[in-house]
């Protein structure tokens, strides 16, 4: 679990990611995390699953770039990003962003910035699978 940025089909552990972040430095005094999970609805529609696809090499490079930017911009000690690909059922984890800094404010600010930028910039697409059929979702914040 040394990769600070990962795209993977299997689930991940928030606890394991935070432990890996903390293992890197005893200077971390504030950790903020965003955990995105699959909902069972979208608007008025029931959603059973969400399928995620990515241009893998480009997406991984963009996530690495975002991580590096956040570390520089918010003076982080470290950050980790994990995003699942493939089919995710309602209630399962999708994405995790963890930011560690000396103090809480930069960790919070970086965490929010990272997830917002990830959704805007990473070439990762999602398709909702509903009882009525499947539809690709246009990006939104």
C-alpha atoms as a PDB file:
ATOM      1  CA  UNK A   1       0.000   0.000   0.000  1.00  0.00           C
ATOM      2  CA  UNK A   2       2.883   2.350  -0.719  1.00  0.00           C
ATOM      3  CA  UNK A   3       1.154   3.894  -3.744  1.00  0.00           C
ATOM      4  CA  UNK A   4      -0.182   7.264  -2.643  1.00  0.00           C
ATOM      5  CA  UNK A   5      -2.385   7.458  -5.745  1.00  0.00           C
ATOM      6  CA  UNK A   6      -4.298   4.408  -6.961  1.00  0.00           C
ATOM      7  CA  UNK A   7      -7.023   3.345  -9.359  1.00  0.00           C
ATOM      8  CA  UNK A   8      -8.319  -0.095  -8.443  1.00  0.00           C
ATOM      9  CA  UNK A   9     -11.308  -2.392  -8.790  1.00  0.00           C
ATOM     10  CA  UNK A  10     -11.247  -3.695  -5.216  1.00  0.00           C
ATOM     11  CA  UNK A  11     -12.524  -1.861  -2.143  1.00  0.00           C
ATOM     12  CA  UNK A  12     -10.165   0.063   0.125  1.00  0.00           C
ATOM     13  CA  UNK A  13      -9.919   0.737   3.849  1.00  0.00           C
ATOM     14  CA  UNK A  14     -10.128   4.249   5.281  1.00  0.00           C
ATOM     15  CA  UNK A  15      -8.264   3.055   8.380  1.00  0.00           C
ATOM     16  CA  UNK A  16      -5.456   1.514   6.336  1.00  0.00           C
ATOM     17  CA  UNK A  17      -5.049   4.657   4.219  1.00  0.00           C
ATOM     18  CA  UNK A  18      -4.920   6.928   7.278  1.00  0.00           C
ATOM     19  CA  UNK A  19      -2.403   4.584   8.925  1.00  0.00           C
ATOM     20  CA  UNK A  20      -0.236   4.662   5.791  1.00  0.00           C
ATOM     21  CA  UNK A  21      -0.389   8.467   5.746  1.00  0.00           C
ATOM     22  CA  UNK A  22       0.585   8.693   9.433  1.00  0.00           C
ATOM     23  CA  UNK A  23       3.418   6.202   9.004  1.00  0.00           C
ATOM     24  CA  UNK A  24       5.197   8.721   6.809  1.00  0.00           C
ATOM     25  CA  UNK A  25       5.600  11.512   9.358  1.00  0.00           C
ATOM     26  CA  UNK A  26       5.194  12.254  13.057  1.00  0.00           C
ATOM     27  CA  UNK A  27       4.708  15.962  12.145  1.00  0.00           C
ATOM     28  CA  UNK A  28       1.120  15.389  11.003  1.00  0.00           C
ATOM     29  CA  UNK A  29      -1.210  17.133  13.445  1.00  0.00           C
ATOM     30  CA  UNK A  30      -4.345  17.333  11.296  1.00  0.00           C
ATOM     31  CA  UNK A  31      -5.885  14.809   8.919  1.00  0.00           C
ATOM     32  CA  UNK A  32      -8.949  15.426   6.774  1.00  0.00           C
ATOM     33  CA  UNK A  33     -10.621  12.775   4.661  1.00  0.00           C
ATOM     34  CA  UNK A  34     -13.378  12.655   2.086  1.00  0.00           C
ATOM     35  CA  UNK A  35     -15.005   9.291   1.446  1.00  0.00           C
ATOM     36  CA  UNK A  36     -17.393   9.109  -1.499  1.00  0.00           C
ATOM     37  CA  UNK A  37     -19.910   6.255  -1.506  1.00  0.00           C
ATOM     38  CA  UNK A  38     -22.397   5.018  -4.102  1.00  0.00           C
ATOM     39  CA  UNK A  39     -25.962   6.154  -3.385  1.00  0.00           C
ATOM     40  CA  UNK A  40     -29.021   4.110  -4.265  1.00  0.00           C
ATOM     41  CA  UNK A  41     -30.662   7.081  -5.995  1.00  0.00           C
ATOM     42  CA  UNK A  42     -29.899   9.890  -8.417  1.00  0.00           C
ATOM     43  CA  UNK A  43     -32.480  12.623  -8.657  1.00  0.00           C
ATOM     44  CA  UNK A  44     -35.751  10.706  -8.683  1.00  0.00           C
ATOM     45  CA  UNK A  45     -34.282   7.446 -10.013  1.00  0.00           C
ATOM     46  CA  UNK A  46     -33.282   4.297  -8.147  1.00  0.00           C
ATOM     47  CA  UNK A  47     -29.638   3.361  -8.806  1.00  0.00           C
ATOM     48  CA  UNK A  48     -28.482  -0.234  -8.309  1.00  0.00           C
ATOM     49  CA  UNK A  49     -24.871   0.113  -9.396  1.00  0.00           C
ATOM     50  CA  UNK A  50     -22.432   2.585 -10.855  1.00  0.00           C
ATOM     51  CA  UNK A  51     -19.843   1.548 -13.436  1.00  0.00           C
ATOM     52  CA  UNK A  52     -16.620   3.586 -13.510  1.00  0.00           C
ATOM     53  CA  UNK A  53     -14.286   3.705 -16.484  1.00  0.00           C
ATOM     54  CA  UNK A  54     -11.081   5.663 -16.937  1.00  0.00           C
ATOM     55  CA  UNK A  55      -8.321   6.339 -19.346  1.00  0.00           C
ATOM     56  CA  UNK A  56      -6.069   4.614 -16.790  1.00  0.00           C
ATOM     57  CA  UNK A  57      -2.632   6.081 -17.533  1.00  0.00           C
ATOM     58  CA  UNK A  58      -3.960   9.601 -18.012  1.00  0.00           C
ATOM     59  CA  UNK A  59      -6.201   9.395 -14.929  1.00  0.00           C
ATOM     60  CA  UNK A  60      -3.378   8.131 -12.729  1.00  0.00           C
ATOM     61  CA  UNK A  61      -1.072  10.881 -14.010  1.00  0.00           C
ATOM     62  CA  UNK A  62      -3.747  13.523 -13.322  1.00  0.00           C
ATOM     63  CA  UNK A  63      -4.357  12.216  -9.792  1.00  0.00           C
ATOM     64  CA  UNK A  64      -0.603  12.299  -9.131  1.00  0.00           C
ATOM     65  CA  UNK A  65      -0.459  15.847 -10.451  1.00  0.00           C
ATOM     66  CA  UNK A  66      -3.374  16.868  -8.214  1.00  0.00           C
ATOM     67  CA  UNK A  67      -1.660  15.329  -5.200  1.00  0.00           C
ATOM     68  CA  UNK A  68       1.594  17.180  -5.945  1.00  0.00           C
ATOM     69  CA  UNK A  69      -0.310  20.443  -6.478  1.00  0.00           C
ATOM     70  CA  UNK A  70      -2.204  20.073  -3.201  1.00  0.00           C
ATOM     71  CA  UNK A  71       0.971  19.342  -1.248  1.00  0.00           C
ATOM     72  CA  UNK A  72       2.593  22.507  -2.622  1.00  0.00           C
ATOM     73  CA  UNK A  73      -0.516  24.738  -2.498  1.00  0.00           C
ATOM     74  CA  UNK A  74      -1.661  23.828   1.029  1.00  0.00           C
ATOM     75  CA  UNK A  75       1.714  22.963   2.574  1.00  0.00           C
ATOM     76  CA  UNK A  76       0.657  19.383   3.219  1.00  0.00           C
ATOM     77  CA  UNK A  77       2.952  16.776   4.636  1.00  0.00           C
ATOM     78  CA  UNK A  78       1.284  14.060   2.547  1.00  0.00           C
ATOM     79  CA  UNK A  79      -1.893  13.124   0.718  1.00  0.00           C
ATOM     80  CA  UNK A  80      -3.446   9.927  -0.624  1.00  0.00           C
ATOM     81  CA  UNK A  81      -6.061   9.396  -3.346  1.00  0.00           C
ATOM     82  CA  UNK A  82      -7.827   6.120  -4.155  1.00  0.00           C
ATOM     83  CA  UNK A  83     -10.557   5.775  -6.791  1.00  0.00           C
ATOM     84  CA  UNK A  84     -12.341   2.569  -7.724  1.00  0.00           C
ATOM     85  CA  UNK A  85     -12.987   1.442 -11.271  1.00  0.00           C
ATOM     86  CA  UNK A  86     -15.422  -1.184 -12.493  1.00  0.00           C
ATOM     87  CA  UNK A  87     -18.885  -1.756 -11.052  1.00  0.00           C
ATOM     88  CA  UNK A  88     -19.703  -0.499  -7.575  1.00  0.00           C
ATOM     89  CA  UNK A  89     -22.977  -1.397  -5.834  1.00  0.00           C
ATOM     90  CA  UNK A  90     -25.073   1.083  -3.887  1.00  0.00           C
ATOM     91  CA  UNK A  91     -23.578   1.565  -0.425  1.00  0.00           C
ATOM     92  CA  UNK A  92     -19.994   0.734  -1.449  1.00  0.00           C
ATOM     93  CA  UNK A  93     -16.950   3.012  -1.402  1.00  0.00           C
ATOM     94  CA  UNK A  94     -16.001   4.877  -4.582  1.00  0.00           C
ATOM     95  CA  UNK A  95     -13.287   7.416  -3.823  1.00  0.00           C
ATOM     96  CA  UNK A  96     -11.091   8.449  -0.916  1.00  0.00           C
ATOM     97  CA  UNK A  97      -9.009  11.575  -0.475  1.00  0.00           C
ATOM     98  CA  UNK A  98      -6.880  11.924   2.666  1.00  0.00           C
ATOM     99  CA  UNK A  99      -4.796  15.022   3.411  1.00  0.00           C
ATOM    100  CA  UNK A 100      -2.288  15.349   6.248  1.00  0.00           C
ATOM    101  CA  UNK A 101      -0.785  18.626   7.456  1.00  0.00           C
ATOM    102  CA  UNK A 102       0.733  20.092  10.596  1.00  0.00           C
ATOM    103  CA  UNK A 103      -2.618  21.749  11.386  1.00  0.00           C
ATOM    104  CA  UNK A 104      -6.290  21.042  10.609  1.00  0.00           C
ATOM    105  CA  UNK A 105      -7.101  24.080   8.441  1.00  0.00           C
ATOM    106  CA  UNK A 106      -4.772  23.237   5.558  1.00  0.00           C
ATOM    107  CA  UNK A 107      -5.822  19.576   5.729  1.00  0.00           C
ATOM    108  CA  UNK A 108      -9.518  20.538   5.436  1.00  0.00           C
ATOM    109  CA  UNK A 109      -8.869  23.056   2.653  1.00  0.00           C
ATOM    110  CA  UNK A 110      -6.723  20.622   0.684  1.00  0.00           C
ATOM    111  CA  UNK A 111      -9.192  17.767   1.057  1.00  0.00           C
ATOM    112  CA  UNK A 112     -12.058  19.819  -0.367  1.00  0.00           C
ATOM    113  CA  UNK A 113      -9.887  21.214  -3.164  1.00  0.00           C
ATOM    114  CA  UNK A 114      -8.629  17.730  -4.077  1.00  0.00           C
ATOM    115  CA  UNK A 115     -12.060  16.126  -4.450  1.00  0.00           C
ATOM    116  CA  UNK A 116     -13.445  19.112  -6.361  1.00  0.00           C
ATOM    117  CA  UNK A 117     -10.471  19.144  -8.748  1.00  0.00           C
ATOM    118  CA  UNK A 118     -10.521  15.356  -9.123  1.00  0.00           C
ATOM    119  CA  UNK A 119     -14.169  15.488 -10.260  1.00  0.00           C
ATOM    120  CA  UNK A 120     -13.391  18.325 -12.681  1.00  0.00           C
ATOM    121  CA  UNK A 121     -10.073  17.142 -14.129  1.00  0.00           C
ATOM    122  CA  UNK A 122      -9.617  13.375 -13.891  1.00  0.00           C
ATOM    123  CA  UNK A 123     -10.678  11.375 -16.976  1.00  0.00           C
ATOM    124  CA  UNK A 124     -12.952   9.058 -15.012  1.00  0.00           C
ATOM    125  CA  UNK A 125     -16.504   8.462 -16.249  1.00  0.00           C
ATOM    126  CA  UNK A 126     -19.502   6.956 -14.513  1.00  0.00           C
ATOM    127  CA  UNK A 127     -22.550   5.152 -15.785  1.00  0.00           C
ATOM    128  CA  UNK A 128     -25.569   4.689 -13.539  1.00  0.00           C
ATOM    129  CA  UNK A 129     -27.318   1.327 -13.754  1.00  0.00           C
ATOM    130  CA  UNK A 130     -31.001   1.601 -12.876  1.00  0.00           C
ATOM    131  CA  UNK A 131     -34.059  -0.650 -13.223  1.00  0.00           C
ATOM    132  CA  UNK A 132     -34.959   1.450 -16.290  1.00  0.00           C
ATOM    133  CA  UNK A 133     -31.565   0.987 -17.962  1.00  0.00           C
ATOM    134  CA  UNK A 134     -28.120   2.545 -18.050  1.00  0.00           C
ATOM    135  CA  UNK A 135     -27.044   6.147 -18.592  1.00  0.00           C
ATOM    136  CA  UNK A 136     -23.723   7.977 -18.563  1.00  0.00           C
ATOM    137  CA  UNK A 137     -23.554  10.793 -16.036  1.00  0.00           C
ATOM    138  CA  UNK A 138     -22.343  14.222 -17.061  1.00  0.00           C
ATOM    139  CA  UNK A 139     -19.792  15.739 -14.683  1.00  0.00           C
ATOM    140  CA  UNK A 140     -21.077  17.850 -11.823  1.00  0.00           C
ATOM    141  CA  UNK A 141     -19.574  19.206  -8.585  1.00  0.00           C
END
